Every structure is written in structure tokens, then in C-alpha cells.
Amino acid sequence: MERYRPVTGIDCTVASLLIDTEAPLDVLHETATDRIRAATQLLENLAFEEGAYSELARVLVISLREGCDLLDVVGRRLQAPPLA
């Protein structure tokens, strides 16, 4: 695996946003959690609005919230001292 991996979803010839694949796991975890929480919060706001997409937003929020809960568990385990 290359050390610096371009962020997917951005179609350009020269990547300007890169992920350091050798960064500490807790840093990668925290960054991913922040991004997912931001998207979840936006979808939660949309879910409570009246409109065609509110039901879809509610369904997506359920999956993202479960993912956030799982990431919380992973984060706690990453920060916990190793078992003897």
C-alpha cells in the first residue's frame, strides 16, 4: 500500500487531498468519525424537514448513527490500555 492515498470521489488529474496510510490508528479513526458525524448531523436536519427526501434521510440516519456507535466502541478500544 502506498503511504499517501488520494481521497476518492474527487475526479482530478493531480490529487490535492491525501490520506496518510501510516498515520496512527487513533488519528485516522478520529478523522473518519468527525466526517461521518458531520454527514449524519446534516441528514438528521434534513430528516425533520417536510419534503420528498425526508424519509430517505431518516433511513440513512439510522445506518449512519449505528456506524457512529460502532466507531465509538472502536475508538474506546484503541485508547484502552492493552490487556495483560
PDB file of N, CA and C in Angstrom:
ATOM      1  N   MET A   1       0.854  -1.170   0.000  1.00  0.00           N
ATOM      2  CA  MET A   1       0.000   0.000   0.000  1.00  0.00           C
ATOM      3  C   MET A   1       0.901   1.234   0.000  1.00  0.00           C
ATOM      4  N   GLU A   2       0.548   2.182  -0.837  1.00  0.00           N
ATOM      5  CA  GLU A   2       1.302   3.430  -0.871  1.00  0.00           C
ATOM      6  C   GLU A   2       1.028   4.239   0.392  1.00  0.00           C
ATOM      7  N   ARG A   3       2.012   5.025   0.812  1.00  0.00           N
ATOM      8  CA  ARG A   3       1.853   5.796   2.045  1.00  0.00           C
ATOM      9  C   ARG A   3       0.736   6.827   1.925  1.00  0.00           C
ATOM     10  N   TYR A   4       0.707   7.561   0.835  1.00  0.00           N
ATOM     11  CA  TYR A   4      -0.300   8.605   0.666  1.00  0.00           C
ATOM     12  C   TYR A   4      -1.307   8.173  -0.387  1.00  0.00           C
ATOM     13  N   ARG A   5      -2.535   8.084   0.035  1.00  0.00           N
ATOM     14  CA  ARG A   5      -3.615   7.619  -0.836  1.00  0.00           C
ATOM     15  C   ARG A   5      -4.552   8.793  -1.124  1.00  0.00           C
ATOM     16  N   PRO A   6      -4.877   9.050  -2.386  1.00  0.00           N
ATOM     17  CA  PRO A   6      -5.797  10.142  -2.698  1.00  0.00           C
ATOM     18  C   PRO A   6      -7.198   9.861  -2.155  1.00  0.00           C
ATOM     19  N   VAL A   7      -7.872  10.907  -1.748  1.00  0.00           N
ATOM     20  CA  VAL A   7      -9.263  10.787  -1.311  1.00  0.00           C
ATOM     21  C   VAL A   7     -10.100  10.423  -2.535  1.00  0.00           C
ATOM     22  N   THR A   8     -10.959   9.422  -2.392  1.00  0.00           N
ATOM     23  CA  THR A   8     -11.790   9.005  -3.526  1.00  0.00           C
ATOM     24  C   THR A   8     -12.954   9.966  -3.708  1.00  0.00           C
ATOM     25  N   GLY A   9     -13.509   9.950  -4.900  1.00  0.00           N
ATOM     26  CA  GLY A   9     -14.676  10.769  -5.171  1.00  0.00           C
ATOM     27  C   GLY A   9     -14.344  12.145  -5.714  1.00  0.00           C
ATOM     28  N   ILE A  10     -13.059  12.460  -5.835  1.00  0.00           N
ATOM     29  CA  ILE A  10     -12.654  13.738  -6.397  1.00  0.00           C
ATOM     30  C   ILE A  10     -11.942  13.427  -7.706  1.00  0.00           C
ATOM     31  N   ASP A  11     -12.559  13.815  -8.799  1.00  0.00           N
ATOM     32  CA  ASP A  11     -12.041  13.464 -10.119  1.00  0.00           C
ATOM     33  C   ASP A  11     -11.137  14.587 -10.627  1.00  0.00           C
ATOM     34  N   CYS A  12      -9.837  14.413 -10.439  1.00  0.00           N
ATOM     35  CA  CYS A  12      -8.877  15.365 -10.975  1.00  0.00           C
ATOM     36  C   CYS A  12      -7.584  14.629 -11.301  1.00  0.00           C
ATOM     37  N   THR A  13      -6.757  15.226 -12.139  1.00  0.00           N
ATOM     38  CA  THR A  13      -5.536  14.543 -12.553  1.00  0.00           C
ATOM     39  C   THR A  13      -4.456  14.586 -11.482  1.00  0.00           C
ATOM     40  N   VAL A  14      -4.404  15.633 -10.686  1.00  0.00           N
ATOM     41  CA  VAL A  14      -3.426  15.736  -9.608  1.00  0.00           C
ATOM     42  C   VAL A  14      -4.181  15.790  -8.281  1.00  0.00           C
ATOM     43  N   ALA A  15      -3.978  14.776  -7.452  1.00  0.00           N
ATOM     44  CA  ALA A  15      -4.681  14.723  -6.163  1.00  0.00           C
ATOM     45  C   ALA A  15      -4.106  15.763  -5.210  1.00  0.00           C
ATOM     46  N   SER A  16      -4.987  16.511  -4.573  1.00  0.00           N
ATOM     47  CA  SER A  16      -4.531  17.513  -3.597  1.00  0.00           C
ATOM     48  C   SER A  16      -4.939  17.139  -2.177  1.00  0.00           C
ATOM     49  N   LEU A  17      -5.882  16.220  -2.030  1.00  0.00           N
ATOM     50  CA  LEU A  17      -6.271  15.729  -0.710  1.00  0.00           C
ATOM     51  C   LEU A  17      -5.823  14.283  -0.595  1.00  0.00           C
ATOM     52  N   LEU A  18      -4.960  14.037   0.384  1.00  0.00           N
ATOM     53  CA  LEU A  18      -4.370  12.718   0.534  1.00  0.00           C
ATOM     54  C   LEU A  18      -4.578  12.197   1.946  1.00  0.00           C
ATOM     55  N   ILE A  19      -4.638  10.873   2.058  1.00  0.00           N
ATOM     56  CA  ILE A  19      -4.712  10.206   3.355  1.00  0.00           C
ATOM     57  C   ILE A  19      -3.355   9.574   3.616  1.00  0.00           C
ATOM     58  N   ASP A  20      -2.796   9.864   4.787  1.00  0.00           N
ATOM     59  CA  ASP A  20      -1.536   9.245   5.190  1.00  0.00           C
ATOM     60  C   ASP A  20      -1.869   7.870   5.753  1.00  0.00           C
ATOM     61  N   THR A  21      -1.598   6.834   4.992  1.00  0.00           N
ATOM     62  CA  THR A  21      -1.967   5.478   5.401  1.00  0.00           C
ATOM     63  C   THR A  21      -1.139   4.973   6.579  1.00  0.00           C
ATOM     64  N   GLU A  22      -0.087   5.691   6.933  1.00  0.00           N
ATOM     65  CA  GLU A  22       0.752   5.301   8.062  1.00  0.00           C
ATOM     66  C   GLU A  22       0.500   6.161   9.304  1.00  0.00           C
ATOM     67  N   ALA A  23      -0.517   7.007   9.246  1.00  0.00           N
ATOM     68  CA  ALA A  23      -0.869   7.822  10.413  1.00  0.00           C
ATOM     69  C   ALA A  23      -1.333   6.898  11.535  1.00  0.00           C
ATOM     70  N   PRO A  24      -1.188   7.327  12.791  1.00  0.00           N
ATOM     71  CA  PRO A  24      -1.654   6.486  13.906  1.00  0.00           C
ATOM     72  C   PRO A  24      -3.143   6.156  13.756  1.00  0.00           C
ATOM     73  N   LEU A  25      -3.500   4.938  14.144  1.00  0.00           N
ATOM     74  CA  LEU A  25      -4.892   4.490  14.006  1.00  0.00           C
ATOM     75  C   LEU A  25      -5.869   5.406  14.732  1.00  0.00           C
ATOM     76  N   ASP A  26      -5.496   5.902  15.914  1.00  0.00           N
ATOM     77  CA  ASP A  26      -6.425   6.762  16.635  1.00  0.00           C
ATOM     78  C   ASP A  26      -6.676   8.057  15.881  1.00  0.00           C
ATOM     79  N   VAL A  27      -5.693   8.566  15.173  1.00  0.00           N
ATOM     80  CA  VAL A  27      -5.864   9.792  14.386  1.00  0.00           C
ATOM     81  C   VAL A  27      -6.766   9.518  13.179  1.00  0.00           C
ATOM     82  N   LEU A  28      -6.516   8.421  12.477  1.00  0.00           N
ATOM     83  CA  LEU A  28      -7.377   8.058  11.348  1.00  0.00           C
ATOM     84  C   LEU A  28      -8.815   7.840  11.810  1.00  0.00           C
ATOM     85  N   HIS A  29      -8.969   7.152  12.924  1.00  0.00           N
ATOM     86  CA  HIS A  29     -10.296   6.882  13.476  1.00  0.00           C
ATOM     87  C   HIS A  29     -11.019   8.177  13.819  1.00  0.00           C
ATOM     88  N   GLU A  30     -10.333   9.083  14.509  1.00  0.00           N
ATOM     89  CA  GLU A  30     -10.962  10.347  14.922  1.00  0.00           C
ATOM     90  C   GLU A  30     -11.366  11.183  13.711  1.00  0.00           C
ATOM     91  N   THR A  31     -10.519  11.210  12.695  1.00  0.00           N
ATOM     92  CA  THR A  31     -10.838  11.980  11.487  1.00  0.00           C
ATOM     93  C   THR A  31     -12.050  11.399  10.776  1.00  0.00           C
ATOM     94  N   ALA A  32     -12.081  10.076  10.627  1.00  0.00           N
ATOM     95  CA  ALA A  32     -13.226   9.427   9.981  1.00  0.00           C
ATOM     96  C   ALA A  32     -14.506   9.668  10.779  1.00  0.00           C
ATOM     97  N   THR A  33     -14.406   9.567  12.085  1.00  0.00           N
ATOM     98  CA  THR A  33     -15.573   9.782  12.950  1.00  0.00           C
ATOM     99  C   THR A  33     -16.112  11.200  12.785  1.00  0.00           C
ATOM    100  N   ASP A  34     -15.231  12.177  12.756  1.00  0.00           N
ATOM    101  CA  ASP A  34     -15.673  13.567  12.586  1.00  0.00           C
ATOM    102  C   ASP A  34     -16.413  13.766  11.274  1.00  0.00           C
ATOM    103  N   ARG A  35     -15.890  13.178  10.196  1.00  0.00           N
ATOM    104  CA  ARG A  35     -16.538  13.330   8.885  1.00  0.00           C
ATOM    105  C   ARG A  35     -17.908  12.668   8.873  1.00  0.00           C
ATOM    106  N   ILE A  36     -17.985  11.466   9.435  1.00  0.00           N
ATOM    107  CA  ILE A  36     -19.250  10.732   9.435  1.00  0.00           C
ATOM    108  C   ILE A  36     -20.274  11.427  10.326  1.00  0.00           C
ATOM    109  N   ARG A  37     -19.849  11.951  11.462  1.00  0.00           N
ATOM    110  CA  ARG A  37     -20.767  12.673  12.339  1.00  0.00           C
ATOM    111  C   ARG A  37     -21.322  13.931  11.667  1.00  0.00           C
ATOM    112  N   ALA A  38     -20.478  14.636  10.912  1.00  0.00           N
ATOM    113  CA  ALA A  38     -20.940  15.831  10.206  1.00  0.00           C
ATOM    114  C   ALA A  38     -22.010  15.481   9.178  1.00  0.00           C
ATOM    115  N   ALA A  39     -21.782  14.410   8.413  1.00  0.00           N
ATOM    116  CA  ALA A  39     -22.779  13.975   7.427  1.00  0.00           C
ATOM    117  C   ALA A  39     -24.058  13.511   8.109  1.00  0.00           C
ATOM    118  N   THR A  40     -23.920  12.828   9.233  1.00  0.00           N
ATOM    119  CA  THR A  40     -25.086  12.354   9.977  1.00  0.00           C
ATOM    120  C   THR A  40     -25.912  13.522  10.482  1.00  0.00           C
ATOM    121  N   GLN A  41     -25.246  14.542  11.007  1.00  0.00           N
ATOM    122  CA  GLN A  41     -25.966  15.712  11.517  1.00  0.00           C
ATOM    123  C   GLN A  41     -26.732  16.419  10.403  1.00  0.00           C
ATOM    124  N   LEU A  42     -26.112  16.535   9.233  1.00  0.00           N
ATOM    125  CA  LEU A  42     -26.797  17.151   8.100  1.00  0.00           C
ATOM    126  C   LEU A  42     -28.029  16.339   7.711  1.00  0.00           C
ATOM    127  N   LEU A  43     -27.884  15.025   7.637  1.00  0.00           N
ATOM    128  CA  LEU A  43     -29.035  14.186   7.283  1.00  0.00           C
ATOM    129  C   LEU A  43     -30.124  14.241   8.348  1.00  0.00           C
ATOM    130  N   GLU A  44     -29.737  14.335   9.616  1.00  0.00           N
ATOM    131  CA  GLU A  44     -30.742  14.457  10.675  1.00  0.00           C
ATOM    132  C   GLU A  44     -31.543  15.741  10.494  1.00  0.00           C
ATOM    133  N   ASN A  45     -30.871  16.808  10.144  1.00  0.00           N
ATOM    134  CA  ASN A  45     -31.582  18.065   9.896  1.00  0.00           C
ATOM    135  C   ASN A  45     -32.548  17.931   8.731  1.00  0.00           C
ATOM    136  N   LEU A  46     -32.123  17.258   7.665  1.00  0.00           N
ATOM    137  CA  LEU A  46     -32.999  17.051   6.509  1.00  0.00           C
ATOM    138  C   LEU A  46     -34.158  16.120   6.845  1.00  0.00           C
ATOM    139  N   ALA A  47     -33.926  15.153   7.709  1.00  0.00           N
ATOM    140  CA  ALA A  47     -34.960  14.177   8.051  1.00  0.00           C
ATOM    141  C   ALA A  47     -36.144  14.827   8.746  1.00  0.00           C
ATOM    142  N   PHE A  48     -35.917  15.918   9.447  1.00  0.00           N
ATOM    143  CA  PHE A  48     -37.001  16.571  10.173  1.00  0.00           C
ATOM    144  C   PHE A  48     -37.692  17.663   9.366  1.00  0.00           C
ATOM    145  N   GLU A  49     -37.217  17.890   8.160  1.00  0.00           N
ATOM    146  CA  GLU A  49     -37.869  18.839   7.254  1.00  0.00           C
ATOM    147  C   GLU A  49     -38.958  18.106   6.479  1.00  0.00           C
ATOM    148  N   GLU A  50     -39.971  18.822   6.109  1.00  0.00           N
ATOM    149  CA  GLU A  50     -41.009  18.237   5.262  1.00  0.00           C
ATOM    150  C   GLU A  50     -40.514  18.233   3.828  1.00  0.00           C
ATOM    151  N   GLY A  51     -40.697  17.131   3.125  1.00  0.00           N
ATOM    152  CA  GLY A  51     -40.295  17.080   1.730  1.00  0.00           C
ATOM    153  C   GLY A  51     -40.089  15.670   1.259  1.00  0.00           C
ATOM    154  N   ALA A  52     -39.795  15.569  -0.022  1.00  0.00           N
ATOM    155  CA  ALA A  52     -39.677  14.265  -0.673  1.00  0.00           C
ATOM    156  C   ALA A  52     -38.510  13.453  -0.142  1.00  0.00           C
ATOM    157  N   TYR A  53     -37.487  14.110   0.314  1.00  0.00           N
ATOM    158  CA  TYR A  53     -36.287  13.381   0.728  1.00  0.00           C
ATOM    159  C   TYR A  53     -36.211  13.118   2.225  1.00  0.00           C
ATOM    160  N   SER A  54     -37.176  13.560   2.978  1.00  0.00           N
ATOM    161  CA  SER A  54     -37.094  13.403   4.429  1.00  0.00           C
ATOM    162  C   SER A  54     -37.118  11.932   4.849  1.00  0.00           C
ATOM    163  N   GLU A  55     -37.901  11.097   4.175  1.00  0.00           N
ATOM    164  CA  GLU A  55     -37.963   9.674   4.524  1.00  0.00           C
ATOM    165  C   GLU A  55     -36.645   8.979   4.189  1.00  0.00           C
ATOM    166  N   LEU A  56     -36.075   9.298   3.049  1.00  0.00           N
ATOM    167  CA  LEU A  56     -34.775   8.741   2.673  1.00  0.00           C
ATOM    168  C   LEU A  56     -33.709   9.182   3.686  1.00  0.00           C
ATOM    169  N   ALA A  57     -33.741  10.424   4.080  1.00  0.00           N
ATOM    170  CA  ALA A  57     -32.778  10.928   5.058  1.00  0.00           C
ATOM    171  C   ALA A  57     -32.913  10.181   6.380  1.00  0.00           C
ATOM    172  N   ARG A  58     -34.141   9.884   6.800  1.00  0.00           N
ATOM    173  CA  ARG A  58     -34.349   9.145   8.053  1.00  0.00           C
ATOM    174  C   ARG A  58     -33.712   7.759   7.990  1.00  0.00           C
ATOM    175  N   VAL A  59     -33.880   7.076   6.867  1.00  0.00           N
ATOM    176  CA  VAL A  59     -33.304   5.744   6.699  1.00  0.00           C
ATOM    177  C   VAL A  59     -31.772   5.820   6.730  1.00  0.00           C
ATOM    178  N   LEU A  60     -31.203   6.795   6.057  1.00  0.00           N
ATOM    179  CA  LEU A  60     -29.754   6.954   6.050  1.00  0.00           C
ATOM    180  C   LEU A  60     -29.215   7.307   7.425  1.00  0.00           C
ATOM    181  N   VAL A  61     -29.961   8.102   8.177  1.00  0.00           N
ATOM    182  CA  VAL A  61     -29.530   8.485   9.524  1.00  0.00           C
ATOM    183  C   VAL A  61     -29.410   7.261  10.419  1.00  0.00           C
ATOM    184  N   ILE A  62     -30.337   6.326  10.297  1.00  0.00           N
ATOM    185  CA  ILE A  62     -30.294   5.117  11.128  1.00  0.00           C
ATOM    186  C   ILE A  62     -28.973   4.381  10.902  1.00  0.00           C
ATOM    187  N   SER A  63     -28.609   4.161   9.641  1.00  0.00           N
ATOM    188  CA  SER A  63     -27.364   3.454   9.343  1.00  0.00           C
ATOM    189  C   SER A  63     -26.144   4.234   9.803  1.00  0.00           C
ATOM    190  N   LEU A  64     -26.147   5.533   9.579  1.00  0.00           N
ATOM    191  CA  LEU A  64     -25.003   6.338   9.994  1.00  0.00           C
ATOM    192  C   LEU A  64     -24.874   6.397  11.511  1.00  0.00           C
ATOM    193  N   ARG A  65     -25.991   6.499  12.224  1.00  0.00           N
ATOM    194  CA  ARG A  65     -25.930   6.522  13.689  1.00  0.00           C
ATOM    195  C   ARG A  65     -25.372   5.208  14.226  1.00  0.00           C
ATOM    196  N   GLU A  66     -25.802   4.090  13.639  1.00  0.00           N
ATOM    197  CA  GLU A  66     -25.255   2.799  14.056  1.00  0.00           C
ATOM    198  C   GLU A  66     -23.759   2.746  13.777  1.00  0.00           C
ATOM    199  N   GLY A  67     -23.340   3.263  12.622  1.00  0.00           N
ATOM    200  CA  GLY A  67     -21.920   3.315  12.301  1.00  0.00           C
ATOM    201  C   GLY A  67     -21.153   4.175  13.291  1.00  0.00           C
ATOM    202  N   CYS A  68     -21.733   5.309  13.690  1.00  0.00           N
ATOM    203  CA  CYS A  68     -21.094   6.173  14.691  1.00  0.00           C
ATOM    204  C   CYS A  68     -20.964   5.444  16.024  1.00  0.00           C
ATOM    205  N   ASP A  69     -21.986   4.716  16.410  1.00  0.00           N
ATOM    206  CA  ASP A  69     -21.928   3.952  17.667  1.00  0.00           C
ATOM    207  C   ASP A  69     -20.810   2.905  17.607  1.00  0.00           C
ATOM    208  N   LEU A  70     -20.694   2.227  16.468  1.00  0.00           N
ATOM    209  CA  LEU A  70     -19.635   1.235  16.306  1.00  0.00           C
ATOM    210  C   LEU A  70     -18.255   1.899  16.348  1.00  0.00           C
ATOM    211  N   LEU A  71     -18.132   3.052  15.711  1.00  0.00           N
ATOM    212  CA  LEU A  71     -16.857   3.765  15.747  1.00  0.00           C
ATOM    213  C   LEU A  71     -16.506   4.221  17.157  1.00  0.00           C
ATOM    214  N   ASP A  72     -17.502   4.573  17.949  1.00  0.00           N
ATOM    215  CA  ASP A  72     -17.250   4.932  19.345  1.00  0.00           C
ATOM    216  C   ASP A  72     -16.627   3.761  20.099  1.00  0.00           C
ATOM    217  N   VAL A  73     -17.160   2.565  19.864  1.00  0.00           N
ATOM    218  CA  VAL A  73     -16.616   1.372  20.524  1.00  0.00           C
ATOM    219  C   VAL A  73     -15.174   1.133  20.070  1.00  0.00           C
ATOM    220  N   VAL A  74     -14.940   1.234  18.769  1.00  0.00           N
ATOM    221  CA  VAL A  74     -13.588   1.043  18.247  1.00  0.00           C
ATOM    222  C   VAL A  74     -12.636   2.083  18.840  1.00  0.00           C
ATOM    223  N   GLY A  75     -13.088   3.335  18.918  1.00  0.00           N
ATOM    224  CA  GLY A  75     -12.254   4.389  19.479  1.00  0.00           C
ATOM    225  C   GLY A  75     -11.888   4.131  20.926  1.00  0.00           C
ATOM    226  N   ARG A  76     -12.837   3.680  21.711  1.00  0.00           N
ATOM    227  CA  ARG A  76     -12.554   3.367  23.112  1.00  0.00           C
ATOM    228  C   ARG A  76     -11.552   2.223  23.222  1.00  0.00           C
ATOM    229  N   ARG A  77     -11.705   1.231  22.352  1.00  0.00           N
ATOM    230  CA  ARG A  77     -10.776   0.098  22.394  1.00  0.00           C
ATOM    231  C   ARG A  77      -9.375   0.503  21.938  1.00  0.00           C
ATOM    232  N   LEU A  78      -9.297   1.426  20.989  1.00  0.00           N
ATOM    233  CA  LEU A  78      -7.982   1.912  20.553  1.00  0.00           C
ATOM    234  C   LEU A  78      -7.278   2.675  21.658  1.00  0.00           C
ATOM    235  N   GLN A  79      -8.050   3.385  22.499  1.00  0.00           N
ATOM    236  CA  GLN A  79      -7.462   4.193  23.564  1.00  0.00           C
ATOM    237  C   GLN A  79      -7.237   3.414  24.845  1.00  0.00           C
ATOM    238  N   ALA A  80      -7.835   2.250  24.949  1.00  0.00           N
ATOM    239  CA  ALA A  80      -7.710   1.463  26.187  1.00  0.00           C
ATOM    240  C   ALA A  80      -6.310   0.868  26.297  1.00  0.00           C
ATOM    241  N   PRO A  81      -5.826   0.742  27.512  1.00  0.00           N
ATOM    242  CA  PRO A  81      -4.521   0.091  27.667  1.00  0.00           C
ATOM    243  C   PRO A  81      -4.612  -1.369  27.250  1.00  0.00           C
ATOM    244  N   PRO A  82      -3.529  -1.919  26.712  1.00  0.00           N
ATOM    245  CA  PRO A  82      -3.569  -3.325  26.290  1.00  0.00           C
ATOM    246  C   PRO A  82      -3.814  -4.269  27.457  1.00  0.00           C
ATOM    247  N   LEU A  83      -4.526  -5.344  27.181  1.00  0.00           N
ATOM    248  CA  LEU A  83      -4.792  -6.342  28.212  1.00  0.00           C
ATOM    249  C   LEU A  83      -3.522  -7.144  28.483  1.00  0.00           C
ATOM    250  N   ALA A  84      -3.324  -7.464  29.729  1.00  0.00           N
ATOM    251  CA  ALA A  84      -2.103  -8.209  30.104  1.00  0.00           C
ATOM    252  C   ALA A  84      -2.245  -9.685  29.807  1.00  0.00           C
TER     253      ALA A  84
END
